[in-house]
Amino acid sequence: MKRRDFLGAAAGAIALPALAASASASGARVSDRIEWRMATSWPKGAPGVGVNAQRLADRIGAMSGGRLTVKLYGAGEIVPPFEVFDAVSQGVCEMGHGTPYYWQGKNPAFHYFTGVPFGLTAPETAGWLAYGGGQALWEEAYAPFGVLPFYAGSSGVQAGGWFNREIETLDDLKGLSFRIAGLGGEVMRRLGVSVVLTPPGEIFTSMKSGAIDAAEWVGPWNDTAFGLDKVAKYYYLPAFHEAGPSLELLVSREKFDALPADLQEIVRGAALATAAETLADFTFHNIEAFARLVAAGGTELREWPEPVAAAMAKASNEVLAELAAMSDLSGRIAASYSDYLAKARNWSEWSDAAMLRLRNSHPAG
């Protein structure tokens, strides 16, 4: 629907006097209710991403007692997947659900708020945003576009991708047509890969048709739901570029500022609750889907060979140095992120990494 058509339809709806005096089932008068639209980058109902976007929309309605309701639209229903940010910025809809690196054309610094190669895990990212100054920098980056970002969870550690041939050396990457998003795509391009950013709903058909040779999407749950295990044999784990990529709720700054204070807090609280629920959802279902994938056989699990991983790290450092030098804001975000990442590496070596080594060496239970 074109924006002018939507505005005209909205004006017609507001002009119905009989409805203005009626009451909703929640007790809020129709005249007191606010109805928003949420555009998403995901097919409606897609595991993890689409499902939790819908839960977020529903939670806002429930927490507000029907005073603020949100209708969700899947990818392509209002705008294409990679135009959700523009839709919110330009007032086509009040809300969006996606991930920051999809809009990196607006400002490459947006990459930091999804994640960077060899970067922060999901819990570490949440810590940086909430207490390490990341949220303030994120809001500063989005401010010129009239968009307010809220952290809406993560998939956790993602998978590196599905390949039709084994990757043993750097030469095996050269010339591959690889669907990969974010800064990982730029790293792969520098290693000789032909990078393609296929929208999520088109990954399977592109792999099946041979239009691309390899694809990374999310992890076992989403990948098998999209059928990627049916079109490729080799599964590389983990994703070097997505240790804990962020999902986000986008809100029109103008519309948010016009809300009563309690509804503003409900939007914040709903995003926070959905962030926790989303990570739990992905964690549980990735564990279950991976078990089924292994039991089914036919998939060859692989880690990145050491020379390939080293080349990825070298190229990543080059890419990140260039990104940090792009602007004053980019430099400040990079400094904040990198300082926190260095501390996170030290702590994780003696916490998460140490616990996993201990647990896997001495299984119990």
Protein backbone atom coordinates (compact mmCIF):
# COMPACT_ATOMS: atom_id res chain seq x y z
CA MET A 1 0.00 0.00 0.00
CA LYS A 2 1.32 3.44 -0.90
CA ARG A 3 1.83 5.88 1.92
CA ARG A 4 -0.84 8.28 0.66
CA ASP A 5 -3.34 5.43 0.41
CA PHE A 6 -2.55 4.36 3.97
CA LEU A 7 -2.93 7.90 5.28
CA GLY A 8 -6.21 8.28 3.46
CA ALA A 9 -7.52 5.02 4.85
CA ALA A 10 -6.42 6.05 8.34
CA ALA A 11 -8.19 9.38 8.03
CA GLY A 12 -11.37 7.61 6.97
CA ALA A 13 -11.17 5.31 9.96
CA ILE A 14 -10.71 8.20 12.39
CA ALA A 15 -13.78 9.93 10.99
CA LEU A 16 -16.22 7.26 12.17
CA PRO A 17 -18.00 8.94 15.11
CA ALA A 18 -19.93 5.84 16.19
CA LEU A 19 -16.72 4.01 16.98
CA ALA A 20 -15.20 6.90 18.93
CA ALA A 21 -17.65 6.47 21.78
CA SER A 22 -17.57 2.66 21.98
CA ALA A 23 -15.51 0.64 24.44
CA SER A 24 -13.09 -2.19 23.72
CA ALA A 25 -13.11 -5.56 25.47
CA SER A 26 -10.07 -4.40 27.48
CA GLY A 27 -11.96 -1.44 28.87
CA ALA A 28 -10.15 1.20 26.83
CA ARG A 29 -12.36 3.39 24.66
CA VAL A 30 -11.65 3.15 20.94
CA SER A 31 -10.95 6.89 20.94
CA ASP A 32 -8.16 6.27 23.47
CA ARG A 33 -6.49 3.48 21.52
CA ILE A 34 -3.46 3.86 19.31
CA GLU A 35 -2.90 1.48 16.42
CA TRP A 36 0.57 1.06 14.95
CA ARG A 37 2.02 -1.03 12.16
CA MET A 38 5.25 -3.05 12.34
CA ALA A 39 7.12 -3.92 9.13
CA THR A 40 9.61 -6.78 9.41
CA SER A 41 12.52 -8.16 7.41
CA TRP A 42 11.33 -11.72 7.91
CA PRO A 43 8.70 -13.99 6.37
CA LYS A 44 5.74 -13.94 8.72
CA GLY A 45 6.02 -16.79 11.23
CA ALA A 46 9.67 -17.58 10.36
CA PRO A 47 11.27 -19.52 13.26
CA GLY A 48 12.91 -17.28 15.82
CA VAL A 49 12.82 -14.03 13.89
CA GLY A 50 9.26 -13.78 12.59
CA VAL A 51 7.75 -15.57 15.59
CA ASN A 52 9.41 -13.32 18.15
CA ALA A 53 8.58 -10.18 16.20
CA GLN A 54 4.94 -11.26 16.46
CA ARG A 55 5.29 -11.97 20.17
CA LEU A 56 6.72 -8.50 20.65
CA ALA A 57 3.81 -6.91 18.82
CA ASP A 58 1.31 -8.97 20.81
CA ARG A 59 3.07 -8.23 24.11
CA ILE A 60 2.79 -4.47 23.60
CA GLY A 61 -0.95 -4.83 23.06
CA ALA A 62 -1.39 -7.07 26.11
CA MET A 63 0.77 -4.98 28.43
CA SER A 64 -1.05 -1.80 27.44
CA GLY A 65 -4.48 -3.33 27.90
CA GLY A 66 -5.26 -2.65 24.25
CA ARG A 67 -4.37 1.05 24.43
CA LEU A 68 -1.46 0.51 22.00
CA THR A 69 -1.93 -2.27 19.48
CA VAL A 70 0.60 -3.30 16.85
CA LYS A 71 -0.22 -5.13 13.62
CA LEU A 72 2.71 -7.05 12.17
CA TYR A 73 3.50 -7.31 8.46
CA GLY A 74 5.94 -9.84 7.05
CA ALA A 75 8.71 -9.11 4.58
CA GLY A 76 7.31 -7.63 1.40
CA GLU A 77 3.82 -6.93 2.73
CA ILE A 78 4.52 -3.23 3.28
CA VAL A 79 8.12 -2.89 2.07
CA PRO A 80 10.88 -5.29 0.95
CA PRO A 81 13.02 -6.87 3.71
CA PHE A 82 15.92 -4.44 3.42
CA GLU A 83 13.73 -1.31 3.38
CA VAL A 84 12.20 -1.64 6.84
CA PHE A 85 14.46 1.05 8.32
CA ASP A 86 13.40 3.49 5.59
CA ALA A 87 9.74 2.67 6.21
CA VAL A 88 10.07 3.69 9.87
CA SER A 89 12.28 6.68 9.12
CA GLN A 90 9.89 8.03 6.48
CA GLY A 91 6.71 7.46 8.51
CA VAL A 92 5.29 4.70 6.33
CA CYS A 93 4.91 2.65 9.53
CA GLU A 94 5.58 3.35 13.18
CA MET A 95 7.66 0.26 13.98
CA GLY A 96 10.01 -2.20 12.37
CA HIS A 97 11.80 -5.42 13.29
CA GLY A 98 15.10 -6.37 11.71
CA THR A 99 18.85 -6.25 12.35
CA PRO A 100 21.10 -3.17 12.11
CA TYR A 101 23.51 -4.34 9.42
CA TYR A 102 20.66 -4.58 6.92
CA TRP A 103 20.72 -0.75 6.84
CA GLN A 104 24.49 -0.28 6.82
CA GLY A 105 24.16 1.72 3.61
CA LYS A 106 22.83 4.56 5.78
CA ASN A 107 25.90 4.49 8.00
CA PRO A 108 28.49 1.67 8.08
CA ALA A 109 28.80 2.16 11.85
CA PHE A 110 25.44 0.38 12.17
CA HIS A 111 27.41 -2.87 11.85
CA TYR A 112 28.57 -2.62 15.44
CA PHE A 113 25.02 -2.93 16.70
CA THR A 114 24.43 -6.23 14.95
CA GLY A 115 27.94 -7.49 15.64
CA VAL A 116 31.38 -7.72 14.10
CA PRO A 117 33.66 -10.60 13.08
CA PHE A 118 35.24 -12.35 16.06
CA GLY A 119 33.17 -10.05 18.25
CA LEU A 120 30.84 -10.06 21.26
CA THR A 121 28.52 -12.92 22.13
CA ALA A 122 24.84 -12.29 22.78
CA PRO A 123 25.14 -11.84 26.58
CA GLU A 124 28.22 -9.66 26.11
CA THR A 125 26.40 -7.50 23.56
CA ALA A 126 23.47 -7.06 25.93
CA GLY A 127 25.92 -5.97 28.63
CA TRP A 128 27.64 -3.45 26.37
CA LEU A 129 24.36 -1.94 25.23
CA ALA A 130 22.75 -1.74 28.67
CA TYR A 131 25.73 -0.73 30.82
CA GLY A 132 28.74 -0.05 28.61
CA GLY A 133 27.48 2.97 26.70
CA GLY A 134 26.44 1.07 23.60
CA GLN A 135 22.77 2.07 23.72
CA ALA A 136 23.56 5.79 23.82
CA LEU A 137 25.88 5.41 20.82
CA TRP A 138 23.25 3.38 18.97
CA GLU A 139 20.65 6.08 19.53
CA GLU A 140 23.12 8.73 18.39
CA ALA A 141 23.78 6.79 15.17
CA TYR A 142 20.06 6.48 14.39
CA ALA A 143 19.07 10.01 15.49
CA PRO A 144 19.58 11.70 12.08
CA PHE A 145 16.98 9.33 10.64
CA GLY A 146 14.33 9.91 13.29
CA VAL A 147 14.53 6.28 14.42
CA LEU A 148 14.84 4.97 17.97
CA PRO A 149 16.41 1.50 18.39
CA PHE A 150 15.67 -1.09 21.08
CA TYR A 151 17.58 -4.34 21.56
CA ALA A 152 15.19 -7.22 20.84
CA GLY A 153 17.36 -10.28 21.40
CA SER A 154 19.74 -12.53 19.55
CA SER A 155 20.05 -15.92 17.90
CA GLY A 156 23.20 -16.62 19.91
CA VAL A 157 26.19 -18.12 18.10
CA GLN A 158 25.32 -18.62 14.45
CA ALA A 159 26.48 -21.19 11.92
CA GLY A 160 29.13 -20.44 9.30
CA GLY A 161 27.18 -21.69 6.34
CA TRP A 162 26.25 -24.49 3.96
CA PHE A 163 28.62 -25.39 1.14
CA ASN A 164 28.41 -27.69 -1.84
CA ARG A 165 32.11 -28.47 -1.58
CA GLU A 166 34.59 -28.83 1.24
CA ILE A 167 36.71 -25.83 2.18
CA GLU A 168 40.24 -27.00 2.93
CA THR A 169 42.35 -24.07 1.75
CA LEU A 170 41.88 -20.42 0.84
CA ASP A 171 41.90 -21.42 -2.82
CA ASP A 172 38.66 -23.34 -2.24
CA LEU A 173 36.93 -20.06 -1.41
CA LYS A 174 38.00 -18.20 -4.51
CA GLY A 175 35.20 -17.68 -6.99
CA LEU A 176 32.49 -19.12 -4.73
CA SER A 177 29.12 -17.36 -4.90
CA PHE A 178 28.27 -17.10 -1.20
CA ARG A 179 25.20 -15.62 0.45
CA ILE A 180 26.61 -13.95 3.56
CA ALA A 181 25.55 -10.81 5.40
CA GLY A 182 27.28 -8.05 7.29
CA LEU A 183 30.98 -7.39 7.66
CA GLY A 184 31.54 -11.11 7.18
CA GLY A 185 30.57 -10.53 3.58
CA GLU A 186 33.25 -7.88 3.14
CA VAL A 187 35.83 -10.18 4.75
CA MET A 188 34.87 -12.99 2.39
CA ARG A 189 35.01 -10.65 -0.60
CA ARG A 190 38.61 -9.83 0.27
CA LEU A 191 39.35 -13.56 0.33
CA GLY A 192 38.14 -13.94 -3.25
CA VAL A 193 34.50 -14.84 -2.68
CA SER A 194 31.66 -13.47 -4.80
CA VAL A 195 29.32 -12.16 -2.09
CA VAL A 196 25.54 -12.09 -2.51
CA LEU A 197 23.00 -10.76 0.02
CA THR A 198 19.94 -12.79 -0.88
CA PRO A 199 16.81 -11.97 1.19
CA PRO A 200 16.01 -14.71 3.73
CA GLY A 201 12.95 -15.99 1.86
CA GLU A 202 14.98 -16.59 -1.32
CA ILE A 203 17.99 -18.46 0.09
CA PHE A 204 16.68 -21.99 -0.47
CA THR A 205 15.60 -21.44 -4.06
CA SER A 206 18.89 -19.69 -4.87
CA MET A 207 20.85 -22.64 -3.49
CA LYS A 208 18.66 -25.21 -5.18
CA SER A 209 18.86 -23.51 -8.56
CA GLY A 210 22.64 -23.14 -8.36
CA ALA A 211 22.45 -19.35 -8.43
CA ILE A 212 24.67 -19.42 -5.33
CA ASP A 213 27.20 -22.05 -4.21
CA ALA A 214 26.96 -21.52 -0.47
CA ALA A 215 24.79 -19.74 2.07
CA GLU A 216 24.80 -18.73 5.70
CA TRP A 217 21.51 -17.95 7.35
CA VAL A 218 21.22 -18.41 11.12
CA GLY A 219 21.77 -21.80 12.76
CA PRO A 220 20.40 -25.37 12.83
CA TRP A 221 16.83 -24.38 13.71
CA ASN A 222 16.32 -21.81 10.96
CA ASP A 223 18.60 -23.48 8.46
CA THR A 224 16.77 -26.80 8.53
CA ALA A 225 13.37 -25.07 8.63
CA PHE A 226 14.40 -23.32 5.40
CA GLY A 227 15.60 -26.64 3.93
CA LEU A 228 19.25 -25.73 3.52
CA ASP A 229 20.32 -29.21 4.63
CA LYS A 230 18.52 -30.54 1.55
CA VAL A 231 20.57 -28.49 -0.92
CA ALA A 232 24.11 -28.63 0.52
CA LYS A 233 26.24 -31.26 2.23
CA TYR A 234 28.93 -29.43 4.20
CA TYR A 235 27.96 -27.41 7.26
CA TYR A 236 30.63 -25.08 8.65
CA LEU A 237 30.42 -23.96 12.27
CA PRO A 238 30.60 -21.51 13.89
CA ALA A 239 30.07 -18.24 12.02
CA PHE A 240 33.29 -16.27 12.40
CA HIS A 241 31.35 -13.05 11.89
CA GLU A 242 28.26 -13.60 14.07
CA ALA A 243 29.03 -14.63 17.63
CA GLY A 244 25.78 -13.13 18.91
CA PRO A 245 24.10 -10.88 16.34
CA SER A 246 21.44 -8.48 17.56
CA LEU A 247 17.83 -8.17 16.53
CA GLU A 248 16.18 -4.81 16.96
CA LEU A 249 12.87 -3.07 17.39
CA LEU A 250 12.80 0.16 15.39
CA VAL A 251 10.41 2.89 16.47
CA SER A 252 9.66 6.27 14.92
CA ARG A 253 11.16 8.80 17.30
CA GLU A 254 8.35 11.26 16.61
CA LYS A 255 5.65 8.70 17.31
CA PHE A 256 7.42 7.39 20.40
CA ASP A 257 7.83 10.88 21.88
CA ALA A 258 4.10 11.50 21.36
CA LEU A 259 3.15 8.47 23.51
CA PRO A 260 2.17 8.90 27.16
CA ALA A 261 5.02 8.05 29.52
CA ASP A 262 3.48 4.75 30.61
CA LEU A 263 3.12 3.53 27.02
CA GLN A 264 6.71 4.51 26.31
CA GLU A 265 7.76 2.36 29.26
CA ILE A 266 5.61 -0.50 27.98
CA VAL A 267 7.41 -0.41 24.62
CA ARG A 268 10.76 -0.48 26.43
CA GLY A 269 9.65 -3.28 28.73
CA ALA A 270 8.17 -5.35 25.92
CA ALA A 271 11.43 -5.13 23.95
CA LEU A 272 13.43 -6.13 27.02
CA ALA A 273 11.19 -9.12 27.73
CA THR A 274 11.29 -10.18 24.09
CA ALA A 275 15.09 -9.96 24.06
CA ALA A 276 15.30 -12.56 26.83
CA GLU A 277 12.60 -14.73 25.28
CA THR A 278 14.20 -14.61 21.83
CA LEU A 279 17.59 -15.85 23.02
CA ALA A 280 15.91 -18.63 25.03
CA ASP A 281 13.84 -19.59 21.98
CA PHE A 282 16.87 -19.81 19.69
CA THR A 283 18.99 -21.63 22.28
CA PHE A 284 16.41 -24.34 22.92
CA HIS A 285 15.46 -24.92 19.30
CA ASN A 286 19.02 -24.84 17.96
CA ILE A 287 19.95 -27.57 20.44
CA GLU A 288 16.96 -29.66 19.41
CA ALA A 289 17.40 -29.06 15.67
CA PHE A 290 21.11 -29.86 15.80
CA ALA A 291 20.38 -33.18 17.50
CA ARG A 292 17.92 -34.08 14.74
CA LEU A 293 20.35 -32.97 12.05
CA VAL A 294 23.13 -35.17 13.42
CA ALA A 295 20.79 -38.14 13.91
CA ALA A 296 19.48 -37.90 10.35
CA GLY A 297 22.95 -38.23 8.84
CA GLY A 298 23.98 -36.95 5.45
CA THR A 299 25.37 -33.64 6.69
CA GLU A 300 29.13 -33.29 7.04
CA LEU A 301 30.00 -31.02 9.98
CA ARG A 302 33.16 -28.97 9.59
CA GLU A 303 35.18 -26.32 11.42
CA TRP A 304 37.08 -23.67 9.49
CA PRO A 305 40.63 -24.91 8.74
CA GLU A 306 43.23 -22.96 10.71
CA PRO A 307 44.80 -21.22 7.67
CA VAL A 308 41.33 -20.10 6.55
CA ALA A 309 40.41 -18.90 10.05
CA ALA A 310 43.68 -16.98 10.31
CA ALA A 311 43.05 -15.30 6.96
CA MET A 312 39.53 -14.40 8.09
CA ALA A 313 40.92 -12.80 11.25
CA LYS A 314 43.55 -10.82 9.33
CA ALA A 315 40.99 -9.51 6.84
CA SER A 316 38.56 -8.74 9.68
CA ASN A 317 41.14 -6.55 11.41
CA GLU A 318 41.68 -4.62 8.19
CA VAL A 319 37.95 -4.14 7.65
CA LEU A 320 37.37 -3.01 11.23
CA ALA A 321 40.26 -0.55 11.13
CA GLU A 322 38.80 1.02 7.99
CA LEU A 323 35.35 1.14 9.54
CA ALA A 324 36.64 2.88 12.67
CA ALA A 325 38.34 5.54 10.54
CA MET A 326 35.22 6.47 8.56
CA SER A 327 33.91 9.15 10.91
CA ASP A 328 34.17 10.57 14.39
CA LEU A 329 31.06 8.64 15.44
CA SER A 330 32.38 5.42 13.92
CA GLY A 331 35.64 5.89 15.78
CA ARG A 332 33.91 6.46 19.10
CA ILE A 333 31.68 3.40 18.63
CA ALA A 334 34.69 1.29 17.62
CA ALA A 335 36.67 2.42 20.66
CA SER A 336 33.81 1.64 23.06
CA TYR A 337 33.15 -1.75 21.46
CA SER A 338 36.81 -2.77 21.21
CA ASP A 339 37.67 -1.78 24.80
CA TYR A 340 34.76 -3.81 26.10
CA LEU A 341 35.59 -6.76 23.79
CA ALA A 342 39.15 -6.93 25.15
CA LYS A 343 37.82 -7.19 28.70
CA ALA A 344 35.21 -9.72 27.61
CA ARG A 345 37.89 -11.95 26.07
CA ASN A 346 39.82 -11.99 29.34
CA TRP A 347 36.76 -12.81 31.43
CA SER A 348 35.29 -15.39 29.03
CA GLU A 349 38.56 -17.35 29.01
CA TRP A 350 38.11 -17.89 32.74
CA SER A 351 34.31 -18.18 32.74
CA ASP A 352 32.34 -19.42 29.72
CA ALA A 353 35.24 -20.94 27.80
CA ALA A 354 36.70 -22.52 30.94
CA MET A 355 33.32 -23.88 32.01
CA LEU A 356 32.66 -25.40 28.58
CA ARG A 357 36.09 -27.05 28.55
CA LEU A 358 35.46 -28.41 32.02
CA ARG A 359 31.90 -29.57 31.27
CA ASN A 360 32.80 -31.26 27.98
CA SER A 361 35.90 -32.96 29.41
CA HIS A 362 34.01 -34.34 32.40
CA PRO A 363 30.40 -34.93 31.36
CA ALA A 364 27.97 -35.58 34.20
CA GLY A 365 24.25 -35.91 34.50
